[in-house]
Amino acid sequence: MAEKRNIFLVGPMGAGKSTIGRHLAQELHLEFYDSDSEIESRTGADIAWVFDIEGEEGFRAREETVINDLTELQGIVLATGGGSIMSKENRNKLSARGIVVYLETSIDKQYARTQRDKRRPLLQTDDPRKTLEDLTDVRNPLYSEIADLTVKTDEQSARVVANQIIKELGF
């Protein structure tokens, strides 16, 4: 049997990576992983705590390890953290080990989907919308750089987006 292909979802926070990833995995009968959930399970603490104690640098080091480990698996759908693509090592591993799907969303949608979420350390600022805009400027080119497929998620349900991805990838 041919080895199963991996699908790696990248994009900003609030794009729907985890929700869409679960639908994709279910439809394709693949294992689903979320890199943030994996970090929480390995550390026994939530992401906000890791940020508080170890800072963003400590969190990103953990994230690199988790992404390396998960991308070595076969037949998975992986929802990555929004900032995971800041690491060249992560971008290289994602590109080399699977199909990268960039879930693109507007700042308005990101803001609406994340404004009440206290589990997003980078948004615990006086102006979370400005933070989202700044992150978008830096990260969107990196998402595009490694994407095999880009899908807009603003006006569609997670199930519709998952089915669109399956169709476009020919699974």
N, C-alpha and C. Protein backbone atom coordinates (compact mmCIF):
# COMPACT_ATOMS: atom_id res chain seq x y z
N MET A 1 0.83 -1.18 0.00
CA MET A 1 0.00 0.00 0.00
C MET A 1 0.88 1.25 0.00
N ALA A 2 0.50 2.23 -0.77
CA ALA A 2 1.26 3.48 -0.81
C ALA A 2 1.12 4.20 0.53
N GLU A 3 2.16 4.95 0.87
CA GLU A 3 2.07 5.64 2.15
C GLU A 3 1.00 6.73 2.07
N LYS A 4 0.34 6.95 3.18
CA LYS A 4 -0.72 7.94 3.23
C LYS A 4 -0.12 9.33 3.23
N ARG A 5 -0.81 10.25 2.57
CA ARG A 5 -0.34 11.62 2.52
C ARG A 5 -0.83 12.42 3.71
N ASN A 6 -0.05 13.41 4.07
CA ASN A 6 -0.39 14.31 5.18
C ASN A 6 -0.95 15.61 4.64
N ILE A 7 -1.85 16.20 5.41
CA ILE A 7 -2.37 17.53 5.10
C ILE A 7 -2.07 18.41 6.31
N PHE A 8 -1.35 19.49 6.06
CA PHE A 8 -0.99 20.42 7.12
C PHE A 8 -1.71 21.74 6.88
N LEU A 9 -2.46 22.19 7.87
CA LEU A 9 -3.22 23.43 7.76
C LEU A 9 -2.44 24.57 8.43
N VAL A 10 -2.23 25.63 7.66
CA VAL A 10 -1.56 26.82 8.18
C VAL A 10 -2.50 28.01 7.98
N GLY A 11 -2.26 29.05 8.73
CA GLY A 11 -3.07 30.26 8.62
C GLY A 11 -3.14 30.95 9.96
N PRO A 12 -3.73 32.13 9.95
CA PRO A 12 -3.78 32.93 11.18
C PRO A 12 -4.74 32.36 12.21
N MET A 13 -4.60 32.82 13.46
CA MET A 13 -5.56 32.40 14.48
C MET A 13 -6.94 32.89 14.05
N GLY A 14 -7.92 32.03 14.29
CA GLY A 14 -9.29 32.38 13.90
C GLY A 14 -9.65 31.98 12.48
N ALA A 15 -8.73 31.35 11.76
CA ALA A 15 -9.03 30.94 10.38
C ALA A 15 -9.85 29.66 10.34
N GLY A 16 -9.87 28.93 11.45
CA GLY A 16 -10.65 27.69 11.50
C GLY A 16 -9.83 26.43 11.31
N LYS A 17 -8.52 26.51 11.55
CA LYS A 17 -7.64 25.36 11.28
C LYS A 17 -8.06 24.12 12.06
N SER A 18 -8.35 24.26 13.35
CA SER A 18 -8.70 23.10 14.17
C SER A 18 -10.06 22.52 13.77
N THR A 19 -11.04 23.37 13.60
CA THR A 19 -12.38 22.90 13.25
C THR A 19 -12.39 22.26 11.86
N ILE A 20 -11.80 22.93 10.90
CA ILE A 20 -11.74 22.40 9.53
C ILE A 20 -10.89 21.13 9.51
N GLY A 21 -9.80 21.13 10.28
CA GLY A 21 -8.93 19.96 10.35
C GLY A 21 -9.66 18.73 10.85
N ARG A 22 -10.50 18.90 11.86
CA ARG A 22 -11.28 17.77 12.38
C ARG A 22 -12.22 17.21 11.32
N HIS A 23 -12.88 18.11 10.58
CA HIS A 23 -13.77 17.67 9.50
C HIS A 23 -12.99 16.92 8.41
N LEU A 24 -11.86 17.48 8.03
CA LEU A 24 -11.02 16.84 7.00
C LEU A 24 -10.61 15.44 7.44
N ALA A 25 -10.10 15.34 8.65
CA ALA A 25 -9.62 14.05 9.15
C ALA A 25 -10.76 13.03 9.18
N GLN A 26 -11.93 13.48 9.61
CA GLN A 26 -13.09 12.58 9.69
C GLN A 26 -13.47 12.10 8.28
N GLU A 27 -13.56 13.01 7.34
CA GLU A 27 -13.96 12.66 5.97
C GLU A 27 -12.95 11.73 5.30
N LEU A 28 -11.67 11.96 5.58
CA LEU A 28 -10.60 11.20 4.91
C LEU A 28 -10.13 10.00 5.72
N HIS A 29 -10.72 9.79 6.90
CA HIS A 29 -10.33 8.69 7.78
C HIS A 29 -8.84 8.76 8.13
N LEU A 30 -8.41 9.97 8.49
CA LEU A 30 -7.03 10.20 8.91
C LEU A 30 -7.04 10.63 10.38
N GLU A 31 -5.88 10.52 11.01
CA GLU A 31 -5.73 11.00 12.39
C GLU A 31 -5.65 12.52 12.37
N PHE A 32 -6.26 13.18 13.35
CA PHE A 32 -6.18 14.63 13.46
C PHE A 32 -5.30 15.02 14.64
N TYR A 33 -4.44 15.99 14.40
CA TYR A 33 -3.60 16.55 15.46
C TYR A 33 -3.67 18.07 15.39
N ASP A 34 -3.54 18.68 16.54
CA ASP A 34 -3.47 20.13 16.66
C ASP A 34 -2.17 20.42 17.41
N SER A 35 -1.27 21.17 16.80
CA SER A 35 0.05 21.35 17.43
C SER A 35 -0.06 22.04 18.80
N ASP A 36 -0.98 22.99 18.96
CA ASP A 36 -1.14 23.65 20.26
C ASP A 36 -1.65 22.66 21.31
N SER A 37 -2.62 21.83 20.94
CA SER A 37 -3.14 20.82 21.89
C SER A 37 -2.05 19.83 22.27
N GLU A 38 -1.22 19.49 21.31
CA GLU A 38 -0.12 18.54 21.57
C GLU A 38 0.88 19.17 22.56
N ILE A 39 1.18 20.45 22.38
CA ILE A 39 2.08 21.14 23.31
C ILE A 39 1.46 21.14 24.71
N GLU A 40 0.16 21.43 24.79
CA GLU A 40 -0.51 21.44 26.10
C GLU A 40 -0.47 20.06 26.75
N SER A 41 -0.69 19.04 25.95
CA SER A 41 -0.68 17.69 26.51
C SER A 41 0.72 17.28 26.96
N ARG A 42 1.74 17.67 26.22
CA ARG A 42 3.11 17.30 26.61
C ARG A 42 3.60 18.08 27.82
N THR A 43 3.16 19.34 27.96
CA THR A 43 3.64 20.15 29.09
C THR A 43 2.72 20.03 30.29
N GLY A 44 1.49 19.57 30.08
CA GLY A 44 0.53 19.51 31.18
C GLY A 44 0.02 20.88 31.58
N ALA A 45 0.18 21.84 30.67
CA ALA A 45 -0.26 23.22 30.96
C ALA A 45 -0.80 23.84 29.69
N ASP A 46 -1.61 24.89 29.84
CA ASP A 46 -2.15 25.52 28.63
C ASP A 46 -1.13 26.48 28.02
N ILE A 47 -1.41 26.85 26.78
CA ILE A 47 -0.49 27.69 26.00
C ILE A 47 -0.20 29.01 26.73
N ALA A 48 -1.23 29.61 27.31
CA ALA A 48 -1.04 30.89 28.02
C ALA A 48 -0.02 30.74 29.15
N TRP A 49 -0.08 29.61 29.86
CA TRP A 49 0.86 29.36 30.95
C TRP A 49 2.28 29.22 30.40
N VAL A 50 2.43 28.46 29.31
CA VAL A 50 3.76 28.28 28.71
C VAL A 50 4.33 29.64 28.31
N PHE A 51 3.49 30.50 27.71
CA PHE A 51 3.93 31.86 27.34
C PHE A 51 4.35 32.64 28.57
N ASP A 52 3.54 32.56 29.63
CA ASP A 52 3.85 33.32 30.86
C ASP A 52 5.17 32.88 31.47
N ILE A 53 5.41 31.59 31.51
CA ILE A 53 6.59 31.06 32.19
C ILE A 53 7.83 31.09 31.30
N GLU A 54 7.67 30.69 30.05
CA GLU A 54 8.83 30.52 29.15
C GLU A 54 8.94 31.61 28.09
N GLY A 55 7.93 32.45 27.99
CA GLY A 55 7.93 33.48 26.96
C GLY A 55 7.64 32.88 25.60
N GLU A 56 7.52 33.75 24.61
CA GLU A 56 7.24 33.26 23.26
C GLU A 56 8.37 32.39 22.74
N GLU A 57 9.61 32.73 23.09
CA GLU A 57 10.77 31.96 22.62
C GLU A 57 10.71 30.51 23.11
N GLY A 58 10.38 30.33 24.38
CA GLY A 58 10.26 28.98 24.93
C GLY A 58 9.13 28.21 24.28
N PHE A 59 8.00 28.90 24.07
CA PHE A 59 6.87 28.27 23.41
C PHE A 59 7.26 27.84 21.99
N ARG A 60 7.93 28.71 21.24
CA ARG A 60 8.29 28.40 19.85
C ARG A 60 9.26 27.22 19.79
N ALA A 61 10.14 27.10 20.77
CA ALA A 61 11.06 25.95 20.81
C ALA A 61 10.26 24.65 20.99
N ARG A 62 9.29 24.68 21.88
CA ARG A 62 8.42 23.51 22.07
C ARG A 62 7.65 23.21 20.79
N GLU A 63 7.17 24.26 20.15
CA GLU A 63 6.39 24.11 18.92
C GLU A 63 7.22 23.45 17.82
N GLU A 64 8.48 23.85 17.69
CA GLU A 64 9.35 23.23 16.68
C GLU A 64 9.49 21.73 16.91
N THR A 65 9.67 21.34 18.16
CA THR A 65 9.80 19.92 18.50
C THR A 65 8.52 19.16 18.14
N VAL A 66 7.39 19.71 18.52
CA VAL A 66 6.10 19.06 18.26
C VAL A 66 5.85 18.96 16.75
N ILE A 67 6.11 20.02 16.02
CA ILE A 67 5.87 19.98 14.57
C ILE A 67 6.81 18.99 13.90
N ASN A 68 8.05 18.93 14.35
CA ASN A 68 8.97 17.92 13.81
C ASN A 68 8.41 16.52 14.05
N ASP A 69 8.01 16.25 15.28
CA ASP A 69 7.50 14.91 15.63
C ASP A 69 6.24 14.57 14.84
N LEU A 70 5.29 15.48 14.80
CA LEU A 70 4.01 15.19 14.14
C LEU A 70 4.15 15.07 12.63
N THR A 71 5.00 15.88 12.02
CA THR A 71 5.13 15.81 10.56
C THR A 71 5.86 14.55 10.11
N GLU A 72 6.48 13.83 11.04
CA GLU A 72 7.11 12.56 10.69
C GLU A 72 6.09 11.42 10.60
N LEU A 73 4.89 11.65 11.14
CA LEU A 73 3.84 10.64 11.06
C LEU A 73 3.31 10.56 9.62
N GLN A 74 2.55 9.52 9.33
CA GLN A 74 1.94 9.36 8.00
C GLN A 74 0.42 9.33 8.14
N GLY A 75 -0.25 9.94 7.18
CA GLY A 75 -1.70 9.88 7.15
C GLY A 75 -2.36 10.70 8.23
N ILE A 76 -1.89 11.94 8.40
CA ILE A 76 -2.49 12.81 9.42
C ILE A 76 -2.96 14.12 8.80
N VAL A 77 -3.87 14.76 9.52
CA VAL A 77 -4.23 16.15 9.28
C VAL A 77 -3.71 16.90 10.50
N LEU A 78 -2.93 17.94 10.26
CA LEU A 78 -2.33 18.71 11.35
C LEU A 78 -2.75 20.17 11.25
N ALA A 79 -3.37 20.68 12.32
CA ALA A 79 -3.66 22.10 12.44
C ALA A 79 -2.49 22.71 13.20
N THR A 80 -1.79 23.64 12.57
CA THR A 80 -0.64 24.27 13.19
C THR A 80 -1.04 25.56 13.89
N GLY A 81 -0.23 26.01 14.81
CA GLY A 81 -0.44 27.31 15.44
C GLY A 81 -0.16 28.41 14.42
N GLY A 82 -0.85 29.54 14.58
CA GLY A 82 -0.72 30.63 13.62
C GLY A 82 0.70 31.12 13.41
N GLY A 83 1.52 31.07 14.45
CA GLY A 83 2.89 31.57 14.36
C GLY A 83 3.92 30.52 14.02
N SER A 84 3.50 29.29 13.84
CA SER A 84 4.46 28.20 13.60
C SER A 84 5.32 28.44 12.36
N ILE A 85 4.78 29.16 11.39
CA ILE A 85 5.50 29.39 10.13
C ILE A 85 6.59 30.45 10.27
N MET A 86 6.70 31.07 11.44
CA MET A 86 7.79 32.03 11.64
C MET A 86 9.14 31.33 11.65
N SER A 87 9.13 30.05 11.98
CA SER A 87 10.36 29.26 12.00
C SER A 87 10.62 28.67 10.61
N LYS A 88 11.79 28.98 10.07
CA LYS A 88 12.17 28.43 8.76
C LYS A 88 12.20 26.90 8.82
N GLU A 89 12.67 26.36 9.94
CA GLU A 89 12.71 24.92 10.12
C GLU A 89 11.31 24.32 10.00
N ASN A 90 10.33 24.95 10.67
CA ASN A 90 8.95 24.47 10.57
C ASN A 90 8.44 24.57 9.14
N ARG A 91 8.70 25.69 8.47
CA ARG A 91 8.23 25.85 7.08
C ARG A 91 8.82 24.76 6.20
N ASN A 92 10.10 24.47 6.38
CA ASN A 92 10.74 23.43 5.57
C ASN A 92 10.13 22.06 5.83
N LYS A 93 9.90 21.73 7.09
CA LYS A 93 9.34 20.41 7.43
C LYS A 93 7.92 20.28 6.92
N LEU A 94 7.12 21.32 7.08
CA LEU A 94 5.74 21.27 6.59
C LEU A 94 5.73 21.08 5.07
N SER A 95 6.55 21.84 4.38
CA SER A 95 6.60 21.75 2.91
C SER A 95 7.07 20.38 2.43
N ALA A 96 8.06 19.83 3.10
CA ALA A 96 8.68 18.58 2.65
C ALA A 96 7.87 17.35 2.99
N ARG A 97 7.06 17.42 4.04
CA ARG A 97 6.44 16.21 4.57
C ARG A 97 4.94 16.09 4.34
N GLY A 98 4.37 17.01 3.58
CA GLY A 98 2.93 16.91 3.34
C GLY A 98 2.44 18.02 2.43
N ILE A 99 1.14 18.04 2.27
CA ILE A 99 0.46 19.06 1.48
C ILE A 99 0.08 20.19 2.42
N VAL A 100 0.50 21.39 2.10
CA VAL A 100 0.23 22.53 2.96
C VAL A 100 -0.97 23.31 2.41
N VAL A 101 -1.98 23.46 3.24
CA VAL A 101 -3.18 24.22 2.87
C VAL A 101 -3.24 25.47 3.74
N TYR A 102 -3.24 26.62 3.07
CA TYR A 102 -3.31 27.91 3.76
C TYR A 102 -4.77 28.31 3.84
N LEU A 103 -5.28 28.40 5.07
CA LEU A 103 -6.64 28.85 5.30
C LEU A 103 -6.60 30.36 5.52
N GLU A 104 -7.05 31.06 4.52
CA GLU A 104 -6.95 32.52 4.50
C GLU A 104 -8.25 33.12 5.05
N THR A 105 -8.12 34.14 5.88
CA THR A 105 -9.29 34.80 6.44
C THR A 105 -9.01 36.28 6.63
N SER A 106 -10.05 37.06 6.70
CA SER A 106 -9.90 38.51 6.84
C SER A 106 -9.63 38.88 8.31
N ILE A 107 -9.09 40.07 8.49
CA ILE A 107 -8.86 40.60 9.85
C ILE A 107 -10.21 40.68 10.58
N ASP A 108 -11.26 41.11 9.88
CA ASP A 108 -12.58 41.23 10.52
C ASP A 108 -13.04 39.89 11.08
N LYS A 109 -12.90 38.83 10.29
CA LYS A 109 -13.31 37.49 10.74
C LYS A 109 -12.43 37.02 11.90
N GLN A 110 -11.12 37.23 11.76
CA GLN A 110 -10.21 36.84 12.85
C GLN A 110 -10.60 37.52 14.14
N TYR A 111 -10.84 38.80 14.05
CA TYR A 111 -11.19 39.57 15.25
C TYR A 111 -12.50 39.06 15.85
N ALA A 112 -13.49 38.85 15.01
CA ALA A 112 -14.79 38.37 15.49
C ALA A 112 -14.65 37.00 16.15
N ARG A 113 -13.82 36.13 15.57
CA ARG A 113 -13.69 34.76 16.07
C ARG A 113 -12.80 34.65 17.31
N THR A 114 -11.95 35.66 17.55
CA THR A 114 -10.99 35.54 18.65
C THR A 114 -11.20 36.54 19.78
N GLN A 115 -12.09 37.49 19.63
CA GLN A 115 -12.15 38.60 20.60
C GLN A 115 -12.48 38.18 22.02
N ARG A 116 -13.21 37.09 22.21
CA ARG A 116 -13.53 36.66 23.58
C ARG A 116 -12.64 35.52 24.07
N ASP A 117 -11.69 35.13 23.26
CA ASP A 117 -10.84 33.98 23.59
C ASP A 117 -9.64 34.41 24.43
N LYS A 118 -9.66 34.05 25.68
CA LYS A 118 -8.57 34.44 26.59
C LYS A 118 -7.38 33.48 26.50
N ARG A 119 -7.48 32.47 25.63
CA ARG A 119 -6.42 31.48 25.53
C ARG A 119 -5.41 31.84 24.44
N ARG A 120 -5.46 33.05 23.94
CA ARG A 120 -4.55 33.48 22.87
C ARG A 120 -3.63 34.57 23.42
N PRO A 121 -2.46 34.16 23.92
CA PRO A 121 -1.58 35.12 24.62
C PRO A 121 -1.21 36.35 23.79
N LEU A 122 -1.02 36.19 22.49
CA LEU A 122 -0.60 37.34 21.68
C LEU A 122 -1.70 38.40 21.57
N LEU A 123 -2.94 38.03 21.87
CA LEU A 123 -4.04 38.99 21.75
C LEU A 123 -4.42 39.64 23.07
N GLN A 124 -3.69 39.33 24.12
CA GLN A 124 -3.98 39.95 25.42
C GLN A 124 -3.28 41.31 25.49
N THR A 125 -3.72 42.21 24.62
CA THR A 125 -3.14 43.55 24.51
C THR A 125 -4.27 44.58 24.56
N ASP A 126 -3.89 45.86 24.60
CA ASP A 126 -4.88 46.93 24.60
C ASP A 126 -5.60 47.04 23.26
N ASP A 127 -4.92 46.62 22.18
CA ASP A 127 -5.50 46.74 20.84
C ASP A 127 -5.30 45.45 20.05
N PRO A 128 -6.11 44.42 20.37
CA PRO A 128 -5.93 43.13 19.69
C PRO A 128 -6.10 43.20 18.17
N ARG A 129 -6.96 44.10 17.71
CA ARG A 129 -7.15 44.24 16.26
C ARG A 129 -5.85 44.69 15.58
N LYS A 130 -5.18 45.65 16.19
CA LYS A 130 -3.89 46.14 15.66
C LYS A 130 -2.88 45.00 15.68
N THR A 131 -2.88 44.19 16.74
CA THR A 131 -1.99 43.03 16.82
C THR A 131 -2.26 42.08 15.65
N LEU A 132 -3.54 41.81 15.39
CA LEU A 132 -3.90 40.93 14.26
C LEU A 132 -3.39 41.51 12.94
N GLU A 133 -3.54 42.82 12.76
CA GLU A 133 -3.07 43.47 11.53
C GLU A 133 -1.55 43.33 11.39
N ASP A 134 -0.83 43.56 12.50
CA ASP A 134 0.63 43.45 12.47
C ASP A 134 1.08 42.02 12.16
N LEU A 135 0.42 41.04 12.80
CA LEU A 135 0.75 39.63 12.55
C LEU A 135 0.48 39.26 11.10
N THR A 136 -0.62 39.77 10.56
CA THR A 136 -1.00 39.49 9.17
C THR A 136 0.09 39.98 8.21
N ASP A 137 0.57 41.20 8.44
CA ASP A 137 1.60 41.77 7.57
C ASP A 137 2.84 40.89 7.51
N VAL A 138 3.23 40.34 8.65
CA VAL A 138 4.44 39.53 8.73
C VAL A 138 4.21 38.10 8.26
N ARG A 139 3.09 37.51 8.68
CA ARG A 139 2.89 36.08 8.48
C ARG A 139 2.25 35.68 7.15
N ASN A 140 1.33 36.49 6.61
CA ASN A 140 0.64 36.07 5.39
C ASN A 140 1.59 35.71 4.24
N PRO A 141 2.67 36.49 4.02
CA PRO A 141 3.60 36.08 2.95
C PRO A 141 4.24 34.72 3.21
N LEU A 142 4.45 34.38 4.48
CA LEU A 142 5.06 33.08 4.82
C LEU A 142 4.07 31.94 4.61
N TYR A 143 2.80 32.18 4.94
CA TYR A 143 1.78 31.16 4.66
C TYR A 143 1.73 30.91 3.15
N SER A 144 1.68 31.99 2.39
CA SER A 144 1.60 31.87 0.91
C SER A 144 2.81 31.16 0.33
N GLU A 145 3.97 31.45 0.91
CA GLU A 145 5.23 30.87 0.41
C GLU A 145 5.23 29.35 0.43
N ILE A 146 4.62 28.75 1.45
CA ILE A 146 4.69 27.29 1.56
C ILE A 146 3.40 26.58 1.17
N ALA A 147 2.37 27.36 0.82
CA ALA A 147 1.06 26.75 0.54
C ALA A 147 1.03 26.05 -0.80
N ASP A 148 0.51 24.81 -0.78
CA ASP A 148 0.21 24.10 -2.02
C ASP A 148 -1.19 24.48 -2.51
N LEU A 149 -2.02 24.91 -1.58
CA LEU A 149 -3.40 25.29 -1.87
C LEU A 149 -3.80 26.38 -0.88
N THR A 150 -4.48 27.42 -1.39
CA THR A 150 -5.01 28.47 -0.52
C THR A 150 -6.52 28.47 -0.62
N VAL A 151 -7.18 28.48 0.53
CA VAL A 151 -8.64 28.45 0.57
C VAL A 151 -9.11 29.57 1.50
N LYS A 152 -10.06 30.36 1.01
CA LYS A 152 -10.64 31.42 1.85
C LYS A 152 -11.72 30.80 2.74
N THR A 153 -11.70 31.16 4.03
CA THR A 153 -12.63 30.53 4.98
C THR A 153 -13.70 31.48 5.51
N ASP A 154 -13.72 32.73 5.07
CA ASP A 154 -14.61 33.72 5.69
C ASP A 154 -16.10 33.38 5.64
N GLU A 155 -16.60 33.05 4.47
CA GLU A 155 -18.06 32.96 4.31
C GLU A 155 -18.59 31.53 4.23
N GLN A 156 -17.78 30.55 4.60
CA GLN A 156 -18.21 29.17 4.45
C GLN A 156 -18.10 28.43 5.77
N SER A 157 -18.93 27.40 5.92
CA SER A 157 -18.84 26.57 7.12
C SER A 157 -17.58 25.71 7.04
N ALA A 158 -17.17 25.20 8.19
CA ALA A 158 -15.98 24.34 8.25
C ALA A 158 -16.16 23.11 7.36
N ARG A 159 -17.34 22.53 7.37
CA ARG A 159 -17.59 21.33 6.57
C ARG A 159 -17.46 21.63 5.07
N VAL A 160 -18.00 22.77 4.64
CA VAL A 160 -17.90 23.16 3.23
C VAL A 160 -16.44 23.37 2.83
N VAL A 161 -15.68 24.05 3.69
CA VAL A 161 -14.26 24.27 3.40
C VAL A 161 -13.51 22.93 3.33
N ALA A 162 -13.79 22.04 4.28
CA ALA A 162 -13.13 20.73 4.28
C ALA A 162 -13.44 19.98 2.98
N ASN A 163 -14.69 19.99 2.56
CA ASN A 163 -15.06 19.32 1.31
C ASN A 163 -14.42 19.97 0.09
N GLN A 164 -14.28 21.29 0.12
CA GLN A 164 -13.61 22.00 -0.97
C GLN A 164 -12.13 21.56 -1.06
N ILE A 165 -11.49 21.45 0.08
CA ILE A 165 -10.08 21.03 0.12
C ILE A 165 -9.95 19.61 -0.44
N ILE A 166 -10.81 18.72 0.00
CA ILE A 166 -10.77 17.33 -0.49
C ILE A 166 -10.93 17.29 -2.00
N LYS A 167 -11.88 18.06 -2.50
CA LYS A 167 -12.12 18.09 -3.95
C LYS A 167 -10.91 18.65 -4.70
N GLU A 168 -10.39 19.78 -4.23
CA GLU A 168 -9.27 20.43 -4.93
C GLU A 168 -7.99 19.61 -4.88
N LEU A 169 -7.83 18.83 -3.80
CA LEU A 169 -6.62 18.00 -3.69
C LEU A 169 -6.80 16.64 -4.37
N GLY A 170 -8.02 16.33 -4.80
CA GLY A 170 -8.27 15.09 -5.50
C GLY A 170 -8.20 13.85 -4.61
N PHE A 171 -8.59 13.98 -3.36
CA PHE A 171 -8.60 12.83 -2.44
C PHE A 171 -9.85 12.01 -2.66
